[in-house]
Amino acid sequence: MKGIILAGGQGSRLYPITNITTKSLLPIYNKPMIYYPLSTLMLAGIKDILIISSPDHISSFEELFGDGNQIGINISYDVQKEPNGIAEAFLIGESFIGNDDVCLILGDNIFYGKNLPTILKSTVNQMKNMDSIIFGYRVNDPQRYGVVEFDDNKNVLSIIEKPLKPKSNYAAVGLYFYKNDVINISKKIKPSNRGELEITDVNNAFLNANRLKVNILDTIFWLDTGTHDSLVEASNFIKTVEKREGKKISCLEEIAYKYGFIDKDGLKDIIKKYSNEYGDYLQKLIS
């Protein structure tokens, strides 16, 4: 399975702090925001990853991660020239995806929970026996989101964007597992009234073919980062958990080491670059 992080968009709601950088490179406590979605893909066991961003910012991601070899993964890069919608990621990434299934995560989505690795690995295994899978998260204000209605067997019955009368309290989050034909489906959908290839239309295509399931994230935290306040709240949440539990959330180097993507010597090479508390934390992993 391949992984795609869509880290484009102007982040206009976050101006002026996104005037000179992209939202996905803003700090969430002690790491760039993109560390969090990248760690989600790594926790799913996905090692071949494509980062898509705008022409102005793609070089910053390349400078940050290189080819990913240092943490034992393969990172490629491509450009979304204009904000033409989430579903365009599958057209941009067509050659990268090849004949594989694909997981798409949005570059501003943060997930945390002790059961997250288990849920992700289970989803990857589910993909072998069923069709595409999205994720639902219970919210108090579903009118703000794409709302997922589903039956007792987690078959998706409907997905409606920002409904006035929601049929459930479950929002569709920015994490999607699709079968390979998502590429052809994305080629067939038409731009919406706002001129974008909507991910909801992709989901509805799978839904209409009875090929869409939902997994519920009832033991996982999903953090929003769309406003100035939510950026601060997300940072404070990460800080609180890390201080209280004495561990790092979305520490890419730790995941790479524990998942066998790199060995002890590889981790030692990384540690040499950090003469701070982050490096001390990594050192404890092999001490």
C-alpha atoms as a PDB file:
ATOM      1  CA  MET A   1       0.000   0.000   0.000  1.00  0.00           C
ATOM      2  CA  LYS A   2       1.142   3.521  -0.836  1.00  0.00           C
ATOM      3  CA  GLY A   3       0.553   6.645   1.243  1.00  0.00           C
ATOM      4  CA  ILE A   4      -0.141  10.234   0.188  1.00  0.00           C
ATOM      5  CA  ILE A   5      -0.024  13.356   2.339  1.00  0.00           C
ATOM      6  CA  LEU A   6      -1.831  16.310   0.809  1.00  0.00           C
ATOM      7  CA  ALA A   7      -0.100  19.302   2.351  1.00  0.00           C
ATOM      8  CA  GLY A   8      -1.278  22.026   0.008  1.00  0.00           C
ATOM      9  CA  GLY A   9      -3.804  24.766   0.518  1.00  0.00           C
ATOM     10  CA  GLN A  10      -3.210  28.373   1.390  1.00  0.00           C
ATOM     11  CA  GLY A  11      -4.222  28.192   5.028  1.00  0.00           C
ATOM     12  CA  SER A  12      -6.013  31.502   4.584  1.00  0.00           C
ATOM     13  CA  ARG A  13      -7.861  31.147   7.892  1.00  0.00           C
ATOM     14  CA  LEU A  14      -4.479  31.261   9.611  1.00  0.00           C
ATOM     15  CA  TYR A  15      -3.185  34.470   8.023  1.00  0.00           C
ATOM     16  CA  PRO A  16      -0.838  36.189   8.740  1.00  0.00           C
ATOM     17  CA  ILE A  17       1.201  33.240  10.095  1.00  0.00           C
ATOM     18  CA  THR A  18       0.780  31.352   6.810  1.00  0.00           C
ATOM     19  CA  ASN A  19       1.813  34.294   4.657  1.00  0.00           C
ATOM     20  CA  ILE A  20       5.362  32.937   4.383  1.00  0.00           C
ATOM     21  CA  THR A  21       4.927  29.219   4.962  1.00  0.00           C
ATOM     22  CA  THR A  22       2.397  26.483   4.466  1.00  0.00           C
ATOM     23  CA  LYS A  23       0.095  25.370   7.259  1.00  0.00           C
ATOM     24  CA  SER A  24       1.604  21.867   7.401  1.00  0.00           C
ATOM     25  CA  LEU A  25       4.988  23.270   8.422  1.00  0.00           C
ATOM     26  CA  LEU A  26       3.684  25.269  11.359  1.00  0.00           C
ATOM     27  CA  PRO A  27       4.826  23.964  14.746  1.00  0.00           C
ATOM     28  CA  ILE A  28       2.539  21.833  16.866  1.00  0.00           C
ATOM     29  CA  TYR A  29       4.357  22.067  20.196  1.00  0.00           C
ATOM     30  CA  ASN A  30       7.823  20.637  19.383  1.00  0.00           C
ATOM     31  CA  LYS A  31       7.430  19.312  15.841  1.00  0.00           C
ATOM     32  CA  PRO A  32       6.307  20.548  12.437  1.00  0.00           C
ATOM     33  CA  MET A  33       2.658  19.733  11.840  1.00  0.00           C
ATOM     34  CA  ILE A  34       3.450  17.334   9.009  1.00  0.00           C
ATOM     35  CA  TYR A  35       5.230  15.004  11.444  1.00  0.00           C
ATOM     36  CA  TYR A  36       1.825  13.970  12.754  1.00  0.00           C
ATOM     37  CA  PRO A  37       0.193  12.750   9.508  1.00  0.00           C
ATOM     38  CA  LEU A  38       3.496  11.217   8.402  1.00  0.00           C
ATOM     39  CA  SER A  39       3.665   9.277  11.662  1.00  0.00           C
ATOM     40  CA  THR A  40       0.116   8.022  11.068  1.00  0.00           C
ATOM     41  CA  LEU A  41       1.157   6.494   7.751  1.00  0.00           C
ATOM     42  CA  MET A  42       4.251   4.978   9.335  1.00  0.00           C
ATOM     43  CA  LEU A  43       2.175   3.477  12.155  1.00  0.00           C
ATOM     44  CA  ALA A  44       0.071   1.809   9.457  1.00  0.00           C
ATOM     45  CA  GLY A  45       3.264   0.195   8.178  1.00  0.00           C
ATOM     46  CA  ILE A  46       3.316   2.306   5.008  1.00  0.00           C
ATOM     47  CA  LYS A  47       6.836   3.081   3.805  1.00  0.00           C
ATOM     48  CA  ASP A  48       6.285   4.501   0.307  1.00  0.00           C
ATOM     49  CA  ILE A  49       4.902   8.005   0.721  1.00  0.00           C
ATOM     50  CA  LEU A  50       4.173  10.917  -1.608  1.00  0.00           C
ATOM     51  CA  ILE A  51       3.984  14.462  -0.255  1.00  0.00           C
ATOM     52  CA  ILE A  52       1.963  16.855  -2.405  1.00  0.00           C
ATOM     53  CA  SER A  53       2.180  20.580  -1.819  1.00  0.00           C
ATOM     54  CA  SER A  54       2.082  23.894  -3.645  1.00  0.00           C
ATOM     55  CA  PRO A  55       4.911  25.018  -5.961  1.00  0.00           C
ATOM     56  CA  ASP A  56       5.995  27.647  -3.414  1.00  0.00           C
ATOM     57  CA  HIS A  57       6.427  25.191  -0.559  1.00  0.00           C
ATOM     58  CA  ILE A  58       7.334  21.761  -1.913  1.00  0.00           C
ATOM     59  CA  SER A  59      11.063  22.486  -1.611  1.00  0.00           C
ATOM     60  CA  SER A  60      10.655  23.094   2.130  1.00  0.00           C
ATOM     61  CA  PHE A  61       9.325  19.565   2.597  1.00  0.00           C
ATOM     62  CA  GLU A  62      12.175  18.160   0.518  1.00  0.00           C
ATOM     63  CA  GLU A  63      14.667  20.043   2.685  1.00  0.00           C
ATOM     64  CA  LEU A  64      12.991  18.702   5.824  1.00  0.00           C
ATOM     65  CA  PHE A  65      12.808  15.018   4.884  1.00  0.00           C
ATOM     66  CA  GLY A  66      14.986  14.416   1.837  1.00  0.00           C
ATOM     67  CA  ASP A  67      14.218  11.012   0.366  1.00  0.00           C
ATOM     68  CA  GLY A  68      13.199   9.611   3.756  1.00  0.00           C
ATOM     69  CA  ASN A  69      16.051   7.132   3.824  1.00  0.00           C
ATOM     70  CA  GLN A  70      17.279   8.385   7.199  1.00  0.00           C
ATOM     71  CA  ILE A  71      14.090   7.060   8.841  1.00  0.00           C
ATOM     72  CA  GLY A  72      13.864   4.006   6.616  1.00  0.00           C
ATOM     73  CA  ILE A  73      11.072   5.091   4.298  1.00  0.00           C
ATOM     74  CA  ASN A  74      10.801   6.311   0.710  1.00  0.00           C
ATOM     75  CA  ILE A  75       9.441   9.835   0.266  1.00  0.00           C
ATOM     76  CA  SER A  76       8.559  11.294  -3.127  1.00  0.00           C
ATOM     77  CA  TYR A  77       7.275  14.774  -3.889  1.00  0.00           C
ATOM     78  CA  ASP A  78       4.870  16.345  -6.344  1.00  0.00           C
ATOM     79  CA  VAL A  79       3.097  19.644  -6.859  1.00  0.00           C
ATOM     80  CA  GLN A  80      -0.536  20.692  -6.824  1.00  0.00           C
ATOM     81  CA  LYS A  81      -0.340  23.832  -8.931  1.00  0.00           C
ATOM     82  CA  GLU A  82      -3.716  25.174  -7.817  1.00  0.00           C
ATOM     83  CA  PRO A  83      -6.043  24.215  -4.928  1.00  0.00           C
ATOM     84  CA  ASN A  84      -8.228  22.048  -7.155  1.00  0.00           C
ATOM     85  CA  GLY A  85      -9.571  19.786  -4.458  1.00  0.00           C
ATOM     86  CA  ILE A  86      -8.537  16.805  -2.343  1.00  0.00           C
ATOM     87  CA  ALA A  87      -9.428  14.227  -4.984  1.00  0.00           C
ATOM     88  CA  GLU A  88      -6.885  15.725  -7.383  1.00  0.00           C
ATOM     89  CA  ALA A  89      -4.234  14.050  -5.227  1.00  0.00           C
ATOM     90  CA  PHE A  90      -5.032  10.728  -6.913  1.00  0.00           C
ATOM     91  CA  LEU A  91      -4.539  12.225 -10.367  1.00  0.00           C
ATOM     92  CA  ILE A  92      -1.284  13.894  -9.377  1.00  0.00           C
ATOM     93  CA  GLY A  93      -0.133  10.679  -7.713  1.00  0.00           C
ATOM     94  CA  GLU A  94      -1.306   8.241 -10.390  1.00  0.00           C
ATOM     95  CA  SER A  95       2.144   7.061 -11.445  1.00  0.00           C
ATOM     96  CA  PHE A  96       3.283   6.940  -7.819  1.00  0.00           C
ATOM     97  CA  ILE A  97       0.320   4.785  -6.778  1.00  0.00           C
ATOM     98  CA  GLY A  98       0.790   2.394  -9.685  1.00  0.00           C
ATOM     99  CA  ASN A  99      -1.186  -0.796  -9.076  1.00  0.00           C
ATOM    100  CA  ASP A 100      -1.306  -0.462  -5.298  1.00  0.00           C
ATOM    101  CA  ASP A 101      -4.086   0.544  -2.949  1.00  0.00           C
ATOM    102  CA  VAL A 102      -3.570   3.901  -1.308  1.00  0.00           C
ATOM    103  CA  CYS A 103      -4.059   5.732   1.970  1.00  0.00           C
ATOM    104  CA  LEU A 104      -4.586   9.486   1.790  1.00  0.00           C
ATOM    105  CA  ILE A 105      -4.196  11.714   4.830  1.00  0.00           C
ATOM    106  CA  LEU A 106      -4.558  15.469   4.947  1.00  0.00           C
ATOM    107  CA  GLY A 107      -1.496  17.351   6.120  1.00  0.00           C
ATOM    108  CA  ASP A 108      -3.297  19.124   8.945  1.00  0.00           C
ATOM    109  CA  ASN A 109      -4.956  16.107  10.570  1.00  0.00           C
ATOM    110  CA  ILE A 110      -3.568  14.940  13.907  1.00  0.00           C
ATOM    111  CA  PHE A 111      -4.543  11.613  15.450  1.00  0.00           C
ATOM    112  CA  TYR A 112      -3.457  10.288  18.810  1.00  0.00           C
ATOM    113  CA  GLY A 113      -4.347   7.296  20.925  1.00  0.00           C
ATOM    114  CA  LYS A 114      -2.762   4.167  22.321  1.00  0.00           C
ATOM    115  CA  ASN A 115      -4.923   2.024  20.043  1.00  0.00           C
ATOM    116  CA  LEU A 116      -4.063   3.997  16.894  1.00  0.00           C
ATOM    117  CA  PRO A 117      -1.405   1.541  15.595  1.00  0.00           C
ATOM    118  CA  THR A 118      -3.795  -1.383  16.103  1.00  0.00           C
ATOM    119  CA  ILE A 119      -6.642   0.407  14.324  1.00  0.00           C
ATOM    120  CA  LEU A 120      -4.435   1.366  11.391  1.00  0.00           C
ATOM    121  CA  LYS A 121      -2.940  -2.098  10.971  1.00  0.00           C
ATOM    122  CA  SER A 122      -6.390  -3.645  11.221  1.00  0.00           C
ATOM    123  CA  THR A 123      -7.629  -1.284   8.518  1.00  0.00           C
ATOM    124  CA  VAL A 124      -4.780  -2.286   6.220  1.00  0.00           C
ATOM    125  CA  ASN A 125      -5.722  -5.943   6.774  1.00  0.00           C
ATOM    126  CA  GLN A 126      -9.407  -5.160   6.152  1.00  0.00           C
ATOM    127  CA  MET A 127      -8.481  -3.716   2.782  1.00  0.00           C
ATOM    128  CA  LYS A 128      -7.465  -7.189   1.644  1.00  0.00           C
ATOM    129  CA  ASN A 129     -11.018  -8.455   2.053  1.00  0.00           C
ATOM    130  CA  MET A 130     -13.252  -5.486   1.448  1.00  0.00           C
ATOM    131  CA  ASP A 131     -13.395  -2.182  -0.304  1.00  0.00           C
ATOM    132  CA  SER A 132     -12.554   1.334   0.697  1.00  0.00           C
ATOM    133  CA  ILE A 133     -12.653   2.582   4.278  1.00  0.00           C
ATOM    134  CA  ILE A 134     -13.153   6.033   5.765  1.00  0.00           C
ATOM    135  CA  PHE A 135     -13.134   7.073   9.413  1.00  0.00           C
ATOM    136  CA  GLY A 136     -15.806   8.625  11.588  1.00  0.00           C
ATOM    137  CA  TYR A 137     -15.273  10.703  14.718  1.00  0.00           C
ATOM    138  CA  ARG A 138     -18.077  11.743  17.058  1.00  0.00           C
ATOM    139  CA  VAL A 139     -18.488  15.518  17.345  1.00  0.00           C
ATOM    140  CA  ASN A 140     -20.928  17.832  19.088  1.00  0.00           C
ATOM    141  CA  ASP A 141     -21.311  20.139  16.090  1.00  0.00           C
ATOM    142  CA  PRO A 142     -21.690  17.881  13.025  1.00  0.00           C
ATOM    143  CA  GLN A 143     -23.115  20.763  10.977  1.00  0.00           C
ATOM    144  CA  ARG A 144     -19.516  21.948  10.500  1.00  0.00           C
ATOM    145  CA  TYR A 145     -18.335  18.733   8.844  1.00  0.00           C
ATOM    146  CA  GLY A 146     -19.008  16.085   6.277  1.00  0.00           C
ATOM    147  CA  VAL A 147     -21.355  13.792   8.203  1.00  0.00           C
ATOM    148  CA  VAL A 148     -21.303  10.001   7.909  1.00  0.00           C
ATOM    149  CA  GLU A 149     -24.455   7.940   8.358  1.00  0.00           C
ATOM    150  CA  PHE A 150     -23.903   4.194   8.724  1.00  0.00           C
ATOM    151  CA  ASP A 151     -25.641   0.974   9.764  1.00  0.00           C
ATOM    152  CA  ASP A 152     -24.779  -1.531  12.497  1.00  0.00           C
ATOM    153  CA  ASN A 153     -22.317  -3.290  10.180  1.00  0.00           C
ATOM    154  CA  LYS A 154     -20.442  -0.031   9.521  1.00  0.00           C
ATOM    155  CA  ASN A 155     -21.704   0.158   5.951  1.00  0.00           C
ATOM    156  CA  VAL A 156     -21.845   3.814   4.927  1.00  0.00           C
ATOM    157  CA  LEU A 157     -25.395   4.905   4.078  1.00  0.00           C
ATOM    158  CA  SER A 158     -24.750   8.553   3.290  1.00  0.00           C
ATOM    159  CA  ILE A 159     -22.148  11.306   3.457  1.00  0.00           C
ATOM    160  CA  ILE A 160     -23.444  14.866   3.442  1.00  0.00           C
ATOM    161  CA  GLU A 161     -21.305  17.990   3.636  1.00  0.00           C
ATOM    162  CA  LYS A 162     -22.269  20.407   6.416  1.00  0.00           C
ATOM    163  CA  PRO A 163     -25.930  19.332   6.619  1.00  0.00           C
ATOM    164  CA  LEU A 164     -28.512  21.523   8.306  1.00  0.00           C
ATOM    165  CA  LYS A 165     -30.080  18.409   9.841  1.00  0.00           C
ATOM    166  CA  PRO A 166     -27.291  15.848  10.379  1.00  0.00           C
ATOM    167  CA  LYS A 167     -28.250  12.176  10.289  1.00  0.00           C
ATOM    168  CA  SER A 168     -25.505  11.330  12.782  1.00  0.00           C
ATOM    169  CA  ASN A 169     -22.934  12.985  15.027  1.00  0.00           C
ATOM    170  CA  TYR A 170     -20.001  11.417  13.196  1.00  0.00           C
ATOM    171  CA  ALA A 171     -17.707  13.580  11.095  1.00  0.00           C
ATOM    172  CA  ALA A 172     -15.664  12.124   8.249  1.00  0.00           C
ATOM    173  CA  VAL A 173     -12.040  12.900   9.114  1.00  0.00           C
ATOM    174  CA  GLY A 174      -9.137  13.496   6.741  1.00  0.00           C
ATOM    175  CA  LEU A 175      -7.931   9.897   6.577  1.00  0.00           C
ATOM    176  CA  TYR A 176      -8.998   7.569   3.763  1.00  0.00           C
ATOM    177  CA  PHE A 177      -8.059   4.061   2.624  1.00  0.00           C
ATOM    178  CA  TYR A 178      -8.981   3.367  -1.001  1.00  0.00           C
ATOM    179  CA  LYS A 179      -8.739   0.539  -3.467  1.00  0.00           C
ATOM    180  CA  ASN A 180      -6.649   1.220  -6.545  1.00  0.00           C
ATOM    181  CA  ASP A 181      -9.600   2.162  -8.741  1.00  0.00           C
ATOM    182  CA  VAL A 182      -9.871   5.425  -6.820  1.00  0.00           C
ATOM    183  CA  ILE A 183      -7.695   6.763  -9.640  1.00  0.00           C
ATOM    184  CA  ASN A 184     -10.285   6.002 -12.309  1.00  0.00           C
ATOM    185  CA  ILE A 185     -13.100   7.233 -10.091  1.00  0.00           C
ATOM    186  CA  SER A 186     -11.279  10.528  -9.567  1.00  0.00           C
ATOM    187  CA  LYS A 187     -10.873  10.912 -13.319  1.00  0.00           C
ATOM    188  CA  LYS A 188     -14.627  10.655 -13.808  1.00  0.00           C
ATOM    189  CA  ILE A 189     -15.872  13.115 -11.212  1.00  0.00           C
ATOM    190  CA  LYS A 190     -16.617  16.691 -12.201  1.00  0.00           C
ATOM    191  CA  PRO A 191     -15.504  19.854 -10.416  1.00  0.00           C
ATOM    192  CA  SER A 192     -17.979  21.153  -7.866  1.00  0.00           C
ATOM    193  CA  ASN A 193     -19.536  24.602  -7.852  1.00  0.00           C
ATOM    194  CA  ARG A 194     -16.408  25.885  -6.155  1.00  0.00           C
ATOM    195  CA  GLY A 195     -14.259  24.406  -8.931  1.00  0.00           C
ATOM    196  CA  GLU A 196     -12.757  21.535  -6.939  1.00  0.00           C
ATOM    197  CA  LEU A 197     -12.613  17.763  -7.259  1.00  0.00           C
ATOM    198  CA  GLU A 198     -14.362  16.887  -4.030  1.00  0.00           C
ATOM    199  CA  ILE A 199     -13.398  13.915  -1.890  1.00  0.00           C
ATOM    200  CA  THR A 200     -17.091  13.556  -1.021  1.00  0.00           C
ATOM    201  CA  ASP A 201     -17.792  12.724  -4.667  1.00  0.00           C
ATOM    202  CA  VAL A 202     -15.133   9.997  -4.547  1.00  0.00           C
ATOM    203  CA  ASN A 203     -16.677   8.590  -1.391  1.00  0.00           C
ATOM    204  CA  ASN A 204     -20.157   8.713  -2.898  1.00  0.00           C
ATOM    205  CA  ALA A 205     -18.945   6.789  -5.947  1.00  0.00           C
ATOM    206  CA  PHE A 206     -17.755   3.964  -3.685  1.00  0.00           C
ATOM    207  CA  LEU A 207     -20.928   4.311  -1.602  1.00  0.00           C
ATOM    208  CA  ASN A 208     -23.202   3.992  -4.643  1.00  0.00           C
ATOM    209  CA  ALA A 209     -21.388   0.783  -5.560  1.00  0.00           C
ATOM    210  CA  ASN A 210     -21.841  -0.558  -1.989  1.00  0.00           C
ATOM    211  CA  ARG A 211     -18.084  -0.481  -1.552  1.00  0.00           C
ATOM    212  CA  LEU A 212     -17.565   1.895   1.378  1.00  0.00           C
ATOM    213  CA  LYS A 213     -17.146   1.093   5.075  1.00  0.00           C
ATOM    214  CA  VAL A 214     -16.499   3.351   8.048  1.00  0.00           C
ATOM    215  CA  ASN A 215     -14.262   2.652  11.028  1.00  0.00           C
ATOM    216  CA  ILE A 216     -15.142   4.601  14.162  1.00  0.00           C
ATOM    217  CA  LEU A 217     -12.358   6.339  16.049  1.00  0.00           C
ATOM    218  CA  ASP A 218     -13.970   6.032  19.463  1.00  0.00           C
ATOM    219  CA  THR A 219     -10.706   5.585  21.398  1.00  0.00           C
ATOM    220  CA  ILE A 220      -8.657   8.102  19.401  1.00  0.00           C
ATOM    221  CA  PHE A 221      -8.233  11.860  19.665  1.00  0.00           C
ATOM    222  CA  TRP A 222      -8.641  13.815  16.425  1.00  0.00           C
ATOM    223  CA  LEU A 223      -7.230  17.325  16.691  1.00  0.00           C
ATOM    224  CA  ASP A 224      -8.358  20.198  14.523  1.00  0.00           C
ATOM    225  CA  THR A 225      -5.763  22.780  13.450  1.00  0.00           C
ATOM    226  CA  GLY A 226      -7.866  25.074  11.294  1.00  0.00           C
ATOM    227  CA  THR A 227      -7.846  28.191  13.468  1.00  0.00           C
ATOM    228  CA  HIS A 228      -5.363  30.105  15.588  1.00  0.00           C
ATOM    229  CA  ASP A 229      -7.050  28.887  18.757  1.00  0.00           C
ATOM    230  CA  SER A 230      -7.090  25.255  17.639  1.00  0.00           C
ATOM    231  CA  LEU A 231      -3.372  25.428  16.807  1.00  0.00           C
ATOM    232  CA  VAL A 232      -2.659  26.521  20.367  1.00  0.00           C
ATOM    233  CA  GLU A 233      -5.039  23.912  21.776  1.00  0.00           C
ATOM    234  CA  ALA A 234      -3.397  21.137  19.747  1.00  0.00           C
ATOM    235  CA  SER A 235       0.051  22.222  20.919  1.00  0.00           C
ATOM    236  CA  ASN A 236      -1.103  22.334  24.527  1.00  0.00           C
ATOM    237  CA  PHE A 237      -2.643  18.869  24.209  1.00  0.00           C
ATOM    238  CA  ILE A 238       0.585  17.401  22.807  1.00  0.00           C
ATOM    239  CA  LYS A 239       2.627  19.167  25.486  1.00  0.00           C
ATOM    240  CA  THR A 240       0.394  17.921  28.297  1.00  0.00           C
ATOM    241  CA  VAL A 241       0.466  14.293  27.152  1.00  0.00           C
ATOM    242  CA  GLU A 242       4.204  14.287  26.526  1.00  0.00           C
ATOM    243  CA  LYS A 243       5.015  15.867  29.879  1.00  0.00           C
ATOM    244  CA  ARG A 244       2.647  13.615  31.776  1.00  0.00           C
ATOM    245  CA  GLU A 245       3.594  10.336  30.113  1.00  0.00           C
ATOM    246  CA  GLY A 246       7.254  11.048  29.443  1.00  0.00           C
ATOM    247  CA  LYS A 247       7.096  10.111  25.790  1.00  0.00           C
ATOM    248  CA  LYS A 248       7.013  11.793  22.406  1.00  0.00           C
ATOM    249  CA  ILE A 249       3.915  11.796  20.228  1.00  0.00           C
ATOM    250  CA  SER A 250       4.561  11.259  16.515  1.00  0.00           C
ATOM    251  CA  CYS A 251       8.302  10.870  16.987  1.00  0.00           C
ATOM    252  CA  LEU A 252       9.251   9.658  13.516  1.00  0.00           C
ATOM    253  CA  GLU A 253      12.647   8.364  14.556  1.00  0.00           C
ATOM    254  CA  GLU A 254      11.173   6.301  17.399  1.00  0.00           C
ATOM    255  CA  ILE A 255       8.527   4.787  15.132  1.00  0.00           C
ATOM    256  CA  ALA A 256      11.154   3.988  12.510  1.00  0.00           C
ATOM    257  CA  TYR A 257      13.313   2.231  15.092  1.00  0.00           C
ATOM    258  CA  LYS A 258      10.537   0.309  16.831  1.00  0.00           C
ATOM    259  CA  TYR A 259       8.998  -0.774  13.527  1.00  0.00           C
ATOM    260  CA  GLY A 260      12.335  -1.993  12.208  1.00  0.00           C
ATOM    261  CA  PHE A 261      12.585   0.608   9.452  1.00  0.00           C
ATOM    262  CA  ILE A 262      16.033   1.514  10.804  1.00  0.00           C
ATOM    263  CA  ASP A 263      18.447  -0.320  13.100  1.00  0.00           C
ATOM    264  CA  LYS A 264      20.312   0.879  16.187  1.00  0.00           C
ATOM    265  CA  ASP A 265      23.193   2.268  14.130  1.00  0.00           C
ATOM    266  CA  GLY A 266      20.740   4.230  12.027  1.00  0.00           C
ATOM    267  CA  LEU A 267      19.190   5.731  15.134  1.00  0.00           C
ATOM    268  CA  LYS A 268      22.627   6.576  16.520  1.00  0.00           C
ATOM    269  CA  ASP A 269      23.390   8.524  13.338  1.00  0.00           C
ATOM    270  CA  ILE A 270      20.205  10.547  13.828  1.00  0.00           C
ATOM    271  CA  ILE A 271      20.935  11.214  17.502  1.00  0.00           C
ATOM    272  CA  LYS A 272      24.230  12.892  16.572  1.00  0.00           C
ATOM    273  CA  LYS A 273      22.249  15.738  15.003  1.00  0.00           C
ATOM    274  CA  TYR A 274      20.358  16.575  18.185  1.00  0.00           C
ATOM    275  CA  SER A 275      22.107  18.185  21.146  1.00  0.00           C
ATOM    276  CA  ASN A 276      18.872  18.843  23.018  1.00  0.00           C
ATOM    277  CA  GLU A 277      16.082  17.154  24.939  1.00  0.00           C
ATOM    278  CA  TYR A 278      14.765  15.534  21.743  1.00  0.00           C
ATOM    279  CA  GLY A 279      18.120  13.830  21.221  1.00  0.00           C
ATOM    280  CA  ASP A 280      18.213  12.775  24.877  1.00  0.00           C
ATOM    281  CA  TYR A 281      14.826  11.117  24.397  1.00  0.00           C
ATOM    282  CA  LEU A 282      16.044   9.187  21.360  1.00  0.00           C
ATOM    283  CA  GLN A 283      19.184   8.139  23.233  1.00  0.00           C
ATOM    284  CA  LYS A 284      17.051   6.535  25.940  1.00  0.00           C
ATOM    285  CA  LEU A 285      15.536   4.241  23.315  1.00  0.00           C
ATOM    286  CA  ILE A 286      18.849   2.443  22.892  1.00  0.00           C
ATOM    287  CA  SER A 287      20.389   2.913  26.339  1.00  0.00           C
END
